[in-house]
């Protein structure tokens, strides 16, 4: 399951980081600190989301 979660993280983490950066830019916060904080927050939040998705995929395939 760790392999699947790692693959999913590469997609989910970058998507959440990109969405965070876009949200910050749309809000008008164009400082480097705001952009990096949004990207880092999205990348950190991507880990548990990827793990939950991988767990759901494994549980769904066994039924």
C-alpha atoms as a PDB file:
ATOM      1  CA  UNK A   1       0.000   0.000   0.000  1.00  0.00           C
ATOM      2  CA  UNK A   2       2.973   2.308   0.570  1.00  0.00           C
ATOM      3  CA  UNK A   3       3.898   2.083  -3.104  1.00  0.00           C
ATOM      4  CA  UNK A   4       0.387   3.079  -4.178  1.00  0.00           C
ATOM      5  CA  UNK A   5       0.310   5.913  -1.636  1.00  0.00           C
ATOM      6  CA  UNK A   6       3.653   7.176  -2.952  1.00  0.00           C
ATOM      7  CA  UNK A   7       2.413   7.213  -6.518  1.00  0.00           C
ATOM      8  CA  UNK A   8      -0.791   8.922  -5.471  1.00  0.00           C
ATOM      9  CA  UNK A   9       1.165  11.480  -3.442  1.00  0.00           C
ATOM     10  CA  UNK A  10       3.070  12.573  -6.522  1.00  0.00           C
ATOM     11  CA  UNK A  11      -0.250  13.489  -8.120  1.00  0.00           C
ATOM     12  CA  UNK A  12      -2.255  14.631  -5.097  1.00  0.00           C
ATOM     13  CA  UNK A  13       0.530  16.598  -3.408  1.00  0.00           C
ATOM     14  CA  UNK A  14       1.396  18.585  -6.503  1.00  0.00           C
ATOM     15  CA  UNK A  15      -2.295  19.204  -7.239  1.00  0.00           C
ATOM     16  CA  UNK A  16      -2.985  20.516  -3.741  1.00  0.00           C
ATOM     17  CA  UNK A  17       0.175  22.630  -3.779  1.00  0.00           C
ATOM     18  CA  UNK A  18      -0.780  24.107  -7.146  1.00  0.00           C
ATOM     19  CA  UNK A  19      -4.336  24.778  -6.015  1.00  0.00           C
ATOM     20  CA  UNK A  20      -3.004  26.509  -2.914  1.00  0.00           C
ATOM     21  CA  UNK A  21      -0.717  28.730  -4.956  1.00  0.00           C
ATOM     22  CA  UNK A  22      -3.548  29.635  -7.322  1.00  0.00           C
ATOM     23  CA  UNK A  23      -5.839  30.435  -4.386  1.00  0.00           C
ATOM     24  CA  UNK A  24      -3.201  32.695  -2.843  1.00  0.00           C
ATOM     25  CA  UNK A  25      -2.585  34.490  -6.117  1.00  0.00           C
ATOM     26  CA  UNK A  26      -6.299  34.991  -6.746  1.00  0.00           C
ATOM     27  CA  UNK A  27      -6.631  36.418  -3.244  1.00  0.00           C
ATOM     28  CA  UNK A  28      -4.049  39.031  -4.221  1.00  0.00           C
ATOM     29  CA  UNK A  29      -1.237  37.814  -1.984  1.00  0.00           C
ATOM     30  CA  UNK A  30       1.735  37.979  -4.320  1.00  0.00           C
ATOM     31  CA  UNK A  31       4.570  37.838  -1.792  1.00  0.00           C
ATOM     32  CA  UNK A  32       7.078  35.028  -2.028  1.00  0.00           C
ATOM     33  CA  UNK A  33       6.356  33.977   1.551  1.00  0.00           C
ATOM     34  CA  UNK A  34       2.625  33.589   0.909  1.00  0.00           C
ATOM     35  CA  UNK A  35       3.212  31.566  -2.252  1.00  0.00           C
ATOM     36  CA  UNK A  36       5.766  29.261  -0.613  1.00  0.00           C
ATOM     37  CA  UNK A  37       3.554  28.794   2.441  1.00  0.00           C
ATOM     38  CA  UNK A  38       0.599  27.822   0.271  1.00  0.00           C
ATOM     39  CA  UNK A  39       2.728  25.394  -1.743  1.00  0.00           C
ATOM     40  CA  UNK A  40       4.222  23.819   1.381  1.00  0.00           C
ATOM     41  CA  UNK A  41       0.811  23.508   3.032  1.00  0.00           C
ATOM     42  CA  UNK A  42      -0.600  21.769  -0.031  1.00  0.00           C
ATOM     43  CA  UNK A  43       2.355  19.407  -0.181  1.00  0.00           C
ATOM     44  CA  UNK A  44       2.038  18.536   3.514  1.00  0.00           C
ATOM     45  CA  UNK A  45      -1.727  18.012   3.253  1.00  0.00           C
ATOM     46  CA  UNK A  46      -1.148  15.759   0.254  1.00  0.00           C
ATOM     47  CA  UNK A  47       0.450  13.028   2.375  1.00  0.00           C
ATOM     48  CA  UNK A  48      -2.566  12.091   4.539  1.00  0.00           C
ATOM     49  CA  UNK A  49      -4.929  12.556   1.600  1.00  0.00           C
ATOM     50  CA  UNK A  50      -2.848  10.173  -0.524  1.00  0.00           C
ATOM     51  CA  UNK A  51      -2.770   7.654   2.328  1.00  0.00           C
ATOM     52  CA  UNK A  52      -6.559   7.830   2.751  1.00  0.00           C
ATOM     53  CA  UNK A  53      -7.151   7.413  -0.980  1.00  0.00           C
ATOM     54  CA  UNK A  54      -4.780   4.437  -1.120  1.00  0.00           C
ATOM     55  CA  UNK A  55      -6.522   2.845   1.856  1.00  0.00           C
ATOM     56  CA  UNK A  56      -9.918   3.316   0.211  1.00  0.00           C
ATOM     57  CA  UNK A  57      -8.642   1.782  -3.010  1.00  0.00           C
ATOM     58  CA  UNK A  58      -7.289  -1.253  -1.166  1.00  0.00           C
ATOM     59  CA  UNK A  59     -10.471  -1.727   0.849  1.00  0.00           C
ATOM     60  CA  UNK A  60     -12.645  -1.305  -2.210  1.00  0.00           C
ATOM     61  CA  UNK A  61     -10.736  -3.886  -4.227  1.00  0.00           C
ATOM     62  CA  UNK A  62     -11.171  -6.633  -1.627  1.00  0.00           C
ATOM     63  CA  UNK A  63     -14.987  -6.590  -1.635  1.00  0.00           C
END
